[in-house]
Amino acid sequence: MVVTLRRGTTEEASAATHTLLTSAEPPTAVFSTTGFLTEGVRRACRQLQTSVAIVGFDDFKLADMLPTPVTVVTSDTEELGRRAARLLLDRIDGDDAPSRRTVLPVQLIARGTGEIGHP
């Protein structure tokens, strides 16, 4: 199940998570694509006092300081920026090669919310 948010705010993520978790067949896990969306997911879970596995993409400040630290998938954002800038500058300089896929490594930082039944 994929939920697309119109504005991509913490509040919208919280409302969407609330809707998901109170549905007839709620998910057992949620993967969010940014730190502030993960915050919205956590808020909804706390308000509903429910336990669901949560993994966020991109680490965020204090993620490791929460009562149950947030499990995240993280990447080297500086390298991502360098590669994106290089591709853009190459295009500006006239590179008209076909689009290509670039894959950068990621790392799972397991902190406790990625398992079903966390506190």
C-alpha atoms as a PDB file:
ATOM      1  CA  MET A   1       0.000   0.000   0.000  1.00  0.00           C
ATOM      2  CA  VAL A   2       1.399   3.387  -0.968  1.00  0.00           C
ATOM      3  CA  VAL A   3       0.005   6.648   0.379  1.00  0.00           C
ATOM      4  CA  THR A   4       0.874   9.808  -1.527  1.00  0.00           C
ATOM      5  CA  LEU A   5       0.639  13.017   0.443  1.00  0.00           C
ATOM      6  CA  ARG A   6      -0.375  16.240  -1.293  1.00  0.00           C
ATOM      7  CA  ARG A   7       1.842  18.575   0.727  1.00  0.00           C
ATOM      8  CA  GLY A   8       4.202  16.162   2.447  1.00  0.00           C
ATOM      9  CA  THR A   9       3.993  17.739   5.901  1.00  0.00           C
ATOM     10  CA  THR A  10       4.380  16.184   9.335  1.00  0.00           C
ATOM     11  CA  GLU A  11       0.723  16.925  10.070  1.00  0.00           C
ATOM     12  CA  GLU A  12      -0.443  15.319   6.827  1.00  0.00           C
ATOM     13  CA  ALA A  13       1.692  12.236   7.540  1.00  0.00           C
ATOM     14  CA  SER A  14       0.176  11.983  11.002  1.00  0.00           C
ATOM     15  CA  ALA A  15      -3.381  12.230   9.632  1.00  0.00           C
ATOM     16  CA  ALA A  16      -2.686   9.665   6.896  1.00  0.00           C
ATOM     17  CA  THR A  17      -1.136   7.271   9.417  1.00  0.00           C
ATOM     18  CA  HIS A  18      -4.113   7.720  11.718  1.00  0.00           C
ATOM     19  CA  THR A  19      -6.429   6.791   8.833  1.00  0.00           C
ATOM     20  CA  LEU A  20      -4.327   3.743   7.954  1.00  0.00           C
ATOM     21  CA  LEU A  21      -4.063   2.480  11.510  1.00  0.00           C
ATOM     22  CA  THR A  22      -7.785   2.826  12.203  1.00  0.00           C
ATOM     23  CA  SER A  23      -8.821   1.108   8.958  1.00  0.00           C
ATOM     24  CA  ALA A  24     -10.465  -2.329   8.863  1.00  0.00           C
ATOM     25  CA  GLU A  25      -7.128  -3.946   7.930  1.00  0.00           C
ATOM     26  CA  PRO A  26      -4.372  -1.758   9.378  1.00  0.00           C
ATOM     27  CA  PRO A  27      -0.783  -2.311   8.283  1.00  0.00           C
ATOM     28  CA  THR A  28       1.717  -3.975  10.601  1.00  0.00           C
ATOM     29  CA  ALA A  29       4.560  -1.779   9.334  1.00  0.00           C
ATOM     30  CA  VAL A  30       5.101   1.700   7.907  1.00  0.00           C
ATOM     31  CA  PHE A  31       8.045   2.938   5.836  1.00  0.00           C
ATOM     32  CA  SER A  32       8.272   6.710   5.519  1.00  0.00           C
ATOM     33  CA  THR A  33      10.441   8.542   3.013  1.00  0.00           C
ATOM     34  CA  THR A  34      11.732  11.477   5.085  1.00  0.00           C
ATOM     35  CA  GLY A  35      12.515  12.309   8.690  1.00  0.00           C
ATOM     36  CA  PHE A  36       9.645  14.741   9.105  1.00  0.00           C
ATOM     37  CA  LEU A  37       7.174  12.193   7.701  1.00  0.00           C
ATOM     38  CA  THR A  38       8.544   9.643  10.166  1.00  0.00           C
ATOM     39  CA  GLU A  39       7.801  12.185  12.884  1.00  0.00           C
ATOM     40  CA  GLY A  40       4.171  12.302  11.729  1.00  0.00           C
ATOM     41  CA  VAL A  41       3.945   8.502  11.749  1.00  0.00           C
ATOM     42  CA  ARG A  42       5.338   8.380  15.288  1.00  0.00           C
ATOM     43  CA  ARG A  43       2.885  11.052  16.464  1.00  0.00           C
ATOM     44  CA  ALA A  44      -0.104   9.112  15.120  1.00  0.00           C
ATOM     45  CA  CYS A  45       1.114   5.879  16.725  1.00  0.00           C
ATOM     46  CA  ARG A  46       1.571   7.631  20.063  1.00  0.00           C
ATOM     47  CA  GLN A  47      -1.885   9.249  19.877  1.00  0.00           C
ATOM     48  CA  LEU A  48      -3.497   5.911  19.025  1.00  0.00           C
ATOM     49  CA  GLN A  49      -1.319   4.037  21.527  1.00  0.00           C
ATOM     50  CA  THR A  50      -0.666   1.389  18.915  1.00  0.00           C
ATOM     51  CA  SER A  51       2.375  -0.630  18.032  1.00  0.00           C
ATOM     52  CA  VAL A  52       3.448  -0.903  14.405  1.00  0.00           C
ATOM     53  CA  ALA A  53       6.913  -1.415  12.932  1.00  0.00           C
ATOM     54  CA  ILE A  54       8.326   1.910  11.684  1.00  0.00           C
ATOM     55  CA  VAL A  55      11.333   2.472   9.449  1.00  0.00           C
ATOM     56  CA  GLY A  56      12.133   5.876   8.038  1.00  0.00           C
ATOM     57  CA  PHE A  57      14.358   6.888   5.161  1.00  0.00           C
ATOM     58  CA  ASP A  58      16.968   9.471   6.122  1.00  0.00           C
ATOM     59  CA  ASP A  59      18.186   9.870   9.635  1.00  0.00           C
ATOM     60  CA  PHE A  60      17.058  12.913  11.586  1.00  0.00           C
ATOM     61  CA  LYS A  61      18.207  14.792  14.652  1.00  0.00           C
ATOM     62  CA  LEU A  62      17.331  13.123  17.928  1.00  0.00           C
ATOM     63  CA  ALA A  63      16.065   9.949  16.203  1.00  0.00           C
ATOM     64  CA  ASP A  64      18.362   8.020  18.503  1.00  0.00           C
ATOM     65  CA  MET A  65      17.211   9.949  21.597  1.00  0.00           C
ATOM     66  CA  LEU A  66      13.509   9.057  21.523  1.00  0.00           C
ATOM     67  CA  PRO A  67      12.147   6.650  24.171  1.00  0.00           C
ATOM     68  CA  THR A  68      12.140   4.035  21.416  1.00  0.00           C
ATOM     69  CA  PRO A  69      14.822   5.210  18.984  1.00  0.00           C
ATOM     70  CA  VAL A  70      13.712   5.239  15.334  1.00  0.00           C
ATOM     71  CA  THR A  71      15.078   2.665  12.890  1.00  0.00           C
ATOM     72  CA  VAL A  72      16.174   4.366   9.668  1.00  0.00           C
ATOM     73  CA  VAL A  73      17.705   3.713   6.292  1.00  0.00           C
ATOM     74  CA  THR A  74      20.380   6.327   5.715  1.00  0.00           C
ATOM     75  CA  SER A  75      22.608   7.364   2.848  1.00  0.00           C
ATOM     76  CA  ASP A  76      25.564   9.640   2.217  1.00  0.00           C
ATOM     77  CA  THR A  77      23.711  12.874   1.414  1.00  0.00           C
ATOM     78  CA  GLU A  78      26.926  14.701   0.541  1.00  0.00           C
ATOM     79  CA  GLU A  79      27.758  12.099  -2.118  1.00  0.00           C
ATOM     80  CA  LEU A  80      24.190  12.247  -3.387  1.00  0.00           C
ATOM     81  CA  GLY A  81      24.517  16.027  -3.758  1.00  0.00           C
ATOM     82  CA  ARG A  82      27.890  15.738  -5.500  1.00  0.00           C
ATOM     83  CA  ARG A  83      26.553  13.226  -8.003  1.00  0.00           C
ATOM     84  CA  ALA A  84      23.393  15.215  -8.670  1.00  0.00           C
ATOM     85  CA  ALA A  85      25.397  18.407  -9.193  1.00  0.00           C
ATOM     86  CA  ARG A  86      27.803  16.615 -11.551  1.00  0.00           C
ATOM     87  CA  LEU A  87      24.914  15.250 -13.629  1.00  0.00           C
ATOM     88  CA  LEU A  88      23.299  18.699 -13.796  1.00  0.00           C
ATOM     89  CA  LEU A  89      26.530  20.446 -14.747  1.00  0.00           C
ATOM     90  CA  ASP A  90      27.219  17.811 -17.412  1.00  0.00           C
ATOM     91  CA  ARG A  91      23.753  18.457 -18.902  1.00  0.00           C
ATOM     92  CA  ILE A  92      24.332  22.220 -18.842  1.00  0.00           C
ATOM     93  CA  ASP A  93      27.641  21.617 -20.648  1.00  0.00           C
ATOM     94  CA  GLY A  94      25.812  19.785 -23.437  1.00  0.00           C
ATOM     95  CA  ASP A  95      25.781  16.138 -22.364  1.00  0.00           C
ATOM     96  CA  ASP A  96      22.754  14.683 -24.146  1.00  0.00           C
ATOM     97  CA  ALA A  97      23.395  11.028 -23.305  1.00  0.00           C
ATOM     98  CA  PRO A  98      20.322   8.949 -22.451  1.00  0.00           C
ATOM     99  CA  SER A  99      19.159   9.035 -18.853  1.00  0.00           C
ATOM    100  CA  ARG A 100      20.968   6.601 -16.630  1.00  0.00           C
ATOM    101  CA  ARG A 101      20.317   5.115 -13.258  1.00  0.00           C
ATOM    102  CA  THR A 102      22.729   5.808 -10.415  1.00  0.00           C
ATOM    103  CA  VAL A 103      22.499   3.710  -7.267  1.00  0.00           C
ATOM    104  CA  LEU A 104      24.205   4.806  -4.079  1.00  0.00           C
ATOM    105  CA  PRO A 105      24.694   2.523  -1.077  1.00  0.00           C
ATOM    106  CA  VAL A 106      22.424   2.832   1.934  1.00  0.00           C
ATOM    107  CA  GLN A 107      22.716   1.588   5.492  1.00  0.00           C
ATOM    108  CA  LEU A 108      20.058   0.287   7.866  1.00  0.00           C
ATOM    109  CA  ILE A 109      20.436   1.668  11.380  1.00  0.00           C
ATOM    110  CA  ALA A 110      18.303  -0.623  13.548  1.00  0.00           C
ATOM    111  CA  ARG A 111      17.269   1.196  16.704  1.00  0.00           C
ATOM    112  CA  GLY A 112      14.108  -0.514  17.847  1.00  0.00           C
ATOM    113  CA  THR A 113      11.090   0.688  15.850  1.00  0.00           C
ATOM    114  CA  GLY A 114      11.620  -1.618  12.880  1.00  0.00           C
ATOM    115  CA  GLU A 115      10.317  -4.611  14.750  1.00  0.00           C
ATOM    116  CA  ILE A 116       6.645  -5.366  15.274  1.00  0.00           C
ATOM    117  CA  GLY A 117       5.705  -5.136  18.914  1.00  0.00           C
ATOM    118  CA  HIS A 118       8.181  -2.444  19.941  1.00  0.00           C
ATOM    119  CA  PRO A 119       7.236  -0.536  23.107  1.00  0.00           C
END
